[in-house]
Each structure stands twice: as structure tokens, then as C-alpha cells.
Amino acid sequence: MGNIRALQWRYATKKFDDSRLLSQEKIDILKNAFNLTATSYGLQPLKLVVIQNKELQEKLQEQSFKQKQVGTASHVLVICTEKKINKDFIENYFKRVKHIRETPDEVLAPFRDFLVEDFQAKANDEIHQWAVNQAYLTLGTLLTVCATEGIDACPMEGFEPDKYDQSLKLGEKNLKSVLVLPVGYRADDDMFSNFKKVRRSLEDVIIEID
């Protein structure tokens, strides 16, 4: 289907068909989409947890205000932020740039040093909010790719991050959960799939300047 048709087709799935699983090929597409998402400075301060474990999903469902999408989805994706975005993290990024692009160090050094100094001047809360903003960018990419691939999804902020962090042992990985995205295939009897989209008119949301 075309990109706009795909976006018209997608909706926040309220009921998944728990008998249908996404293929490994589809999951790999979502993993690559996550990794290819644009992030500020290209720093990628995020990791993605991919869950396909019904027992764990049922536990997480309780920690998601009992929203059934978490328990019945084929897979549950959890977008997490890195808790240590420091000098080492930034310098490791520039090492990758140098290795992959073979960019001379004298070219990279000014921007690298600027970012290190800039992040060292920020408060931890400011850095965390910056990372959270990148998570939302990534969520948008994943939702669009889901739509074009015919994958149903339900973006969720409604969960208890601290409990997720404990259940998934994210603290040990220096991660913090930010967003949850159950994915799979909609149930035939999910009445929400047939609802017309409610959006403002283009004239109301687009400002054109000639």
C-alpha cells in the first residue's frame, strides 16, 4: 500500500490477535528501523528491548495499568534511554565515525570537543529529557514503518517505568524505560479498527508561506 494509505490504515490497536505472531523478518525490519532513526547529533542515546515471552508480557501487563495489548501482542518493544551519556559515550560515537567513514581526527576533534563540553555543562535532568525527546522521534519512525509493513501497533506511555525497569533488570544495563510499543496483528473483532480517523483539516494545521 502507498505511504499515505498505510498511515490511514494504522490506528492505536486496542485488541491483538494473540494467535498470530510476527515473522522474524518483520521483527528484523523493526530492529533496523530503530537503529536507522534520526537522533540529535547522531548520538543514539537509546536501546530497544524486544520481548516475546507471554509470561513476562502478562507481568508487564499488570505494570501497564492492565492494558491487554501488552499481554496479547506478538511482541512488546520497550524504548529505553541510556543513563550514562557522558564524555566516554560521546567519544565512543566519534570513534565509530572515524572507523566507518575514515574521517581524520583533526576534522572530528572540534565538534567532538564541543559536544563533550556542552554535555558536561548540562544538568542530569536536562540530559535525560534530551534523551527522552530522541525516544519520541524513534517511536514516530517505528509507527510509520509498522504502518508501511502492515504491522499493527499501540504506542503507550501508560505504564509504570520503575516497575518495568525492575522486571527487565534495566538498571543493571544502565537503561531506563521510556515508551512501550506492543506490536502484532489486530483482532478481527477490534471495533476500533473500523472507526474513521478524527483529524483537523489540512487547512487548519498547514501554514504555507510563498
Protein backbone atom coordinates (compact mmCIF):
# COMPACT_ATOMS: atom_id res chain seq x y z
CA MET A 1 0.00 0.00 0.00
CA GLY A 2 1.11 3.59 -0.51
CA ASN A 3 2.58 5.54 2.39
CA ILE A 4 -0.48 7.76 2.95
CA ARG A 5 -2.85 4.80 2.64
CA ALA A 6 -0.71 2.96 5.19
CA LEU A 7 -0.99 5.88 7.62
CA GLN A 8 -4.74 5.96 7.09
CA TRP A 9 -4.86 2.20 7.77
CA ARG A 10 -2.91 2.35 11.02
CA TYR A 11 -4.53 3.05 14.38
CA ALA A 12 -3.67 2.51 18.02
CA THR A 13 -4.62 -1.16 18.17
CA LYS A 14 -6.84 -1.95 21.12
CA LYS A 15 -7.08 -5.72 20.64
CA PHE A 16 -4.45 -8.01 19.17
CA ASP A 17 -4.97 -11.46 17.70
CA ASP A 18 -2.83 -13.42 20.14
CA SER A 19 -2.76 -16.44 17.82
CA ARG A 20 -0.74 -14.57 15.17
CA LEU A 21 2.96 -13.86 15.55
CA LEU A 22 5.16 -11.52 13.59
CA SER A 23 7.79 -13.26 11.50
CA GLN A 24 11.45 -12.86 12.34
CA GLU A 25 11.76 -10.91 9.08
CA LYS A 26 9.24 -8.34 10.32
CA ILE A 27 10.98 -8.06 13.69
CA ASP A 28 14.32 -7.57 11.96
CA ILE A 29 12.80 -4.74 9.92
CA LEU A 30 11.68 -3.03 13.14
CA LYS A 31 15.12 -3.53 14.72
CA ASN A 32 16.79 -1.94 11.71
CA ALA A 33 14.25 0.90 11.64
CA PHE A 34 15.03 1.60 15.29
CA ASN A 35 18.75 1.67 14.56
CA LEU A 36 18.36 3.91 11.50
CA THR A 37 16.18 6.51 13.21
CA ALA A 38 17.45 10.08 13.21
CA THR A 39 18.70 11.28 16.59
CA SER A 40 20.19 14.59 17.66
CA TYR A 41 23.90 14.74 16.75
CA GLY A 42 23.58 11.09 15.66
CA LEU A 43 24.42 10.02 19.22
CA GLN A 44 21.69 7.34 19.57
CA PRO A 45 21.19 7.58 23.36
CA LEU A 46 18.70 4.70 23.20
CA LYS A 47 18.35 0.93 23.27
CA LEU A 48 15.41 -1.26 22.30
CA VAL A 49 14.22 -4.24 24.34
CA VAL A 50 12.31 -6.79 22.24
CA ILE A 51 10.11 -9.13 24.24
CA GLN A 52 8.38 -12.30 23.08
CA ASN A 53 7.55 -14.11 26.30
CA LYS A 54 3.91 -14.47 27.30
CA GLU A 55 4.64 -14.99 30.99
CA LEU A 56 6.73 -11.82 31.11
CA GLN A 57 4.22 -9.95 28.95
CA GLU A 58 1.43 -10.82 31.40
CA LYS A 59 3.57 -9.47 34.23
CA LEU A 60 4.25 -6.28 32.29
CA GLN A 61 0.53 -6.00 31.51
CA GLU A 62 -0.12 -5.63 35.24
CA GLN A 63 2.52 -2.88 35.27
CA SER A 64 0.78 -1.18 32.32
CA PHE A 65 -2.45 -0.50 34.19
CA LYS A 66 -3.72 -3.89 32.97
CA GLN A 67 -3.85 -2.83 29.32
CA LYS A 68 -4.38 -6.11 27.48
CA GLN A 69 -2.39 -5.10 24.41
CA VAL A 70 0.82 -5.82 26.32
CA GLY A 71 -0.19 -9.38 27.14
CA THR A 72 -1.75 -10.30 23.79
CA ALA A 73 0.67 -8.65 21.34
CA SER A 74 3.02 -10.79 19.29
CA HIS A 75 5.99 -8.82 20.68
CA VAL A 76 6.44 -5.89 23.04
CA LEU A 77 9.05 -3.26 22.23
CA VAL A 78 10.38 -1.11 25.06
CA ILE A 79 12.31 2.01 24.11
CA CYS A 80 14.90 2.87 26.73
CA THR A 81 17.27 5.77 27.31
CA GLU A 82 20.91 5.39 28.28
CA LYS A 83 21.52 6.60 31.85
CA LYS A 84 25.18 7.46 31.26
CA ILE A 85 25.52 9.94 28.43
CA ASN A 86 28.91 11.31 29.31
CA LYS A 87 32.34 12.03 27.84
CA ASP A 88 33.04 8.34 27.19
CA PHE A 89 29.68 7.87 25.45
CA ILE A 90 30.31 10.83 23.14
CA GLU A 91 33.89 9.87 22.40
CA ASN A 92 32.83 6.32 21.53
CA TYR A 93 30.45 7.78 18.94
CA PHE A 94 33.28 9.69 17.29
CA LYS A 95 35.45 6.57 17.31
CA ARG A 96 32.70 4.84 15.29
CA VAL A 97 32.58 7.78 12.88
CA LYS A 98 36.35 7.62 12.42
CA HIS A 99 36.28 3.85 11.91
CA ILE A 100 33.34 3.74 9.49
CA ARG A 101 33.99 6.91 7.49
CA GLU A 102 37.75 7.09 7.95
CA THR A 103 37.37 10.75 8.88
CA PRO A 104 40.64 12.33 10.05
CA ASP A 105 40.80 13.09 13.76
CA GLU A 106 41.62 16.73 13.11
CA VAL A 107 38.27 17.06 11.32
CA LEU A 108 36.31 15.34 14.10
CA ALA A 109 38.05 16.91 17.08
CA PRO A 110 36.38 20.37 17.09
CA PHE A 111 32.82 19.02 17.03
CA ARG A 112 33.68 16.19 19.45
CA ASP A 113 35.21 18.60 21.94
CA PHE A 114 32.24 20.96 21.58
CA LEU A 115 29.75 18.17 22.38
CA VAL A 116 31.76 16.91 25.33
CA GLU A 117 31.93 20.41 26.80
CA ASP A 118 28.27 21.09 26.05
CA PHE A 119 27.02 17.89 27.72
CA GLN A 120 29.32 18.33 30.73
CA ALA A 121 27.67 21.71 31.30
CA LYS A 122 24.15 20.24 31.32
CA ALA A 123 22.33 19.03 34.42
CA ASN A 124 21.45 15.32 34.53
CA ASP A 125 17.73 16.09 34.25
CA GLU A 126 18.37 18.14 31.11
CA ILE A 127 20.35 15.32 29.51
CA HIS A 128 17.65 12.82 30.42
CA GLN A 129 14.94 14.99 28.86
CA TRP A 130 17.05 15.35 25.72
CA ALA A 131 17.33 11.55 25.53
CA VAL A 132 13.57 11.17 26.07
CA ASN A 133 12.99 13.51 23.12
CA GLN A 134 15.05 11.15 20.97
CA ALA A 135 12.88 8.25 22.14
CA TYR A 136 9.78 10.01 20.81
CA LEU A 137 11.50 10.60 17.46
CA THR A 138 12.22 6.89 17.34
CA LEU A 139 8.65 5.98 18.24
CA GLY A 140 7.42 8.02 15.27
CA THR A 141 9.75 6.15 12.94
CA LEU A 142 8.67 2.77 14.30
CA LEU A 143 4.97 3.63 13.94
CA THR A 144 5.47 4.69 10.32
CA VAL A 145 7.46 1.56 9.47
CA CYS A 146 4.83 -0.58 11.20
CA ALA A 147 2.16 1.00 9.03
CA THR A 148 4.05 0.51 5.76
CA GLU A 149 4.83 -3.12 6.71
CA GLY A 150 1.23 -3.94 7.68
CA ILE A 151 2.14 -4.37 11.34
CA ASP A 152 -0.34 -3.25 13.97
CA ALA A 153 0.94 -1.32 16.96
CA CYS A 154 -0.20 0.58 20.03
CA PRO A 155 2.11 3.34 21.32
CA MET A 156 1.91 3.56 25.10
CA GLU A 157 3.02 5.99 27.78
CA GLY A 158 0.63 4.39 30.27
CA PHE A 159 2.92 2.10 32.24
CA GLU A 160 4.96 2.14 35.44
CA PRO A 161 8.56 2.75 34.34
CA ASP A 162 10.17 1.89 37.69
CA LYS A 163 8.42 -1.49 37.77
CA TYR A 164 9.35 -2.17 34.13
CA ASP A 165 12.95 -1.31 34.96
CA GLN A 166 12.90 -3.87 37.79
CA SER A 167 11.15 -6.60 35.79
CA LEU A 168 13.52 -6.20 32.84
CA LYS A 169 16.59 -5.58 35.04
CA LEU A 170 17.29 -2.40 33.11
CA GLY A 171 19.21 -0.76 35.93
CA GLU A 172 21.93 -3.39 35.50
CA LYS A 173 22.25 -2.27 31.88
CA ASN A 174 22.28 1.46 32.77
CA LEU A 175 18.95 1.91 30.98
CA LYS A 176 15.58 3.47 31.82
CA SER A 177 12.31 2.57 30.12
CA VAL A 178 10.53 5.47 28.41
CA LEU A 179 7.97 4.16 25.92
CA VAL A 180 6.22 0.86 25.21
CA LEU A 181 5.10 -0.38 21.80
CA PRO A 182 3.15 -3.66 21.61
CA VAL A 183 3.17 -4.94 18.01
CA GLY A 184 1.41 -7.73 16.15
CA TYR A 185 -1.81 -8.14 14.19
CA ARG A 186 -5.20 -6.67 15.05
CA ALA A 187 -8.01 -8.97 16.10
CA ASP A 188 -10.86 -9.30 13.62
CA ASP A 189 -13.34 -8.13 16.25
CA ASP A 190 -11.45 -5.00 17.33
CA MET A 191 -14.18 -2.48 16.62
CA PHE A 192 -11.71 0.41 16.79
CA SER A 193 -10.10 -0.73 13.54
CA ASN A 194 -13.15 0.45 11.59
CA PHE A 195 -13.50 3.85 13.22
CA LYS A 196 -12.98 6.83 10.92
CA LYS A 197 -9.92 8.89 11.73
CA VAL A 198 -10.60 12.14 13.53
CA ARG A 199 -8.14 14.78 12.39
CA ARG A 200 -8.20 18.53 11.92
CA SER A 201 -8.49 19.67 8.31
CA LEU A 202 -5.31 20.33 6.34
CA GLU A 203 -6.33 23.97 6.07
CA ASP A 204 -6.41 24.14 9.87
CA VAL A 205 -2.98 22.60 10.50
CA ILE A 206 -0.86 23.63 7.49
CA ILE A 207 0.56 27.13 7.09
CA GLU A 208 2.03 27.77 3.63
CA ILE A 209 4.37 30.69 3.09
CA ASP A 210 5.15 31.58 -0.54
